[in-house]
């Protein structure tokens, strides 16, 4: 026997079912037999009936569910029994009463014929049924209430027929079967009383369930097993027992996972520490703080390498080694890298050459100091300080304040820096070097030059050009500041093209290198160029400035236009006079939080 999924009509053969679907549902308007829904496709109607009217999807089992939904009020339906088959005709009003819900919305009313079509096979019993109907109780899964439609109080009760009513058809062989259970009766009155007993039992059971719904006494099903709980708290405790049992079974796996995780974390930290130490060692080596030795050790290794190559004789090696030891002991530079008379050579060059310059400013007389084999690669800051001292010793206001009149060697300059730190100057910078630079290849910068000047009683000033101020990453403000520095001693109306001032040179620092500014040239078109003495330039290159035949070529190593100074940041240290005792103490105090003057 086949059952239509839309109207629940039973069809014997498959061909008849296809004909039924074609004539009844496909060629006619699609409409739901349980509600006014119409104008939909066949698939949409099937999905609607499955989701909105699930009670019509089961035939034999659900017939008892629908009967169990009958309330206990006055009945308006009539049971007509014709032979072995019985038909139940319900009241024309079928409504869904919400259970456990706050909604008061009911399904629309249906006609007898529509309801009878939908319930055919559910309310009609053919022959003997397998079991008495059971009541479908609502369940609440995961805290969501589930309600089923039940018939309104006024529907689907069987009335007793009056004595005047007669059957239109007599039963076959006088045997009448119960439409609910498998019992048979010979009298219609006895059958009617028997059916009423069925309905009373089911109505009382449904009343109990309905009262439980109103009181909120709903059942909660475990999402893991089929156990039902009376409330959400019991359900939660039950589920926690499941989880606890599962956790207990996997304690060994959990311990293993934690052990592996801890081991991986330990290995990761060890690897990070190793990489950090390696990077720190590279930085120490780059800045000369790796303990590999300082000026004297590097000088000895260089001379030994020259002896091994054959470029330095053994006798000359010992002679230079003795001179180095004497210089280190005296603390005075041996002068092997010194080139005097540089400013005089520049003066002579600009008197006769460079006709496109409108003005040229030169600093006071300054000697050039280049790098030696003992400080190659790291000694530029010390060599620039030697250039600055060589100029200060020749200027009366500063020479009287300076006790020593000889340019110190690099190891001596390192000792002077440590002495200045011991006075309390720049404690942050001292901590950066771990309070030790003597005997190392440590790089020094603008702050260490300031510390040296202050410890000698010389007023210094740090100017920080922290970002480019021109196109292409240039620093035009730096050139303007240098011009103002050198032009401060000249008259307002420049009478001469070439001006030599009595100002000491400026210390210029950028990332990785430092140089000394000994002058500035301004061209007729307004552009400017700095005159720099570089410790990286050899004495041979500087000596070419003194020859008229080579000066035009050698000036290229000195002149630097704005396009040549394109580092991100520059710092300048300028000398501004002599400090009194009180001013020196004040500078020591303020250096605890040393801040450079920033331009712009």
Foldseek 3Di string as FASTA:
>chain_A
DDADLQQRDDDDDPVVVVVCCVPPDVVDWHAHLQAGDTDDDPVVSSVCCVPVPVLLRDFQQSLLQQLLLAADAAEDWAKAFAAQKTDTFKDQAFWFCWFLDPDGDIGGTHGRVSVCRSRVRSQIAHAFRDDAHDHDAWAAEPNHTDGHGGGDNHMRDHDDDDPVDDHPHAYDVQWYAARGGNDIDNDPVVSNVVVNVSSVVSNVVVVVRRVCRVVVQHWYAAPVDRDIDRDPVVNVVVVVVVVVVVCVVCVVVVVVVVVVVVVVVVVVVVVVVVVVVVVVCVVCVLQFNNLPWALLVQVLVVLVVCVVVVNDPPVRSVVVNVLVVVQVVVQFDPCPQKAFDLQVLVVVCVVPDDPQFQAKEFEAGWIAGADDSRQPQACQVLRQLLRLLRLQCVAVQRVVLADDSGRGDPLSLQVLLLVLVVVQFQVVVCVVSPSHDRGTSGHDDDSSSCSSCLVSQFHKAKEKAQFDDDPPQFNVVVLVVVVCVRCVPPDPDDPDRYHYDHFGWKWKDDPSHIWTFGMKTAGPVGFIWTFTRGSNDGSVLSVLSNDPVRVVVSSVVGTGGRVNPRGGMMMMMGTDGGHDPVRSVVNSVQSHVDDHHYDD
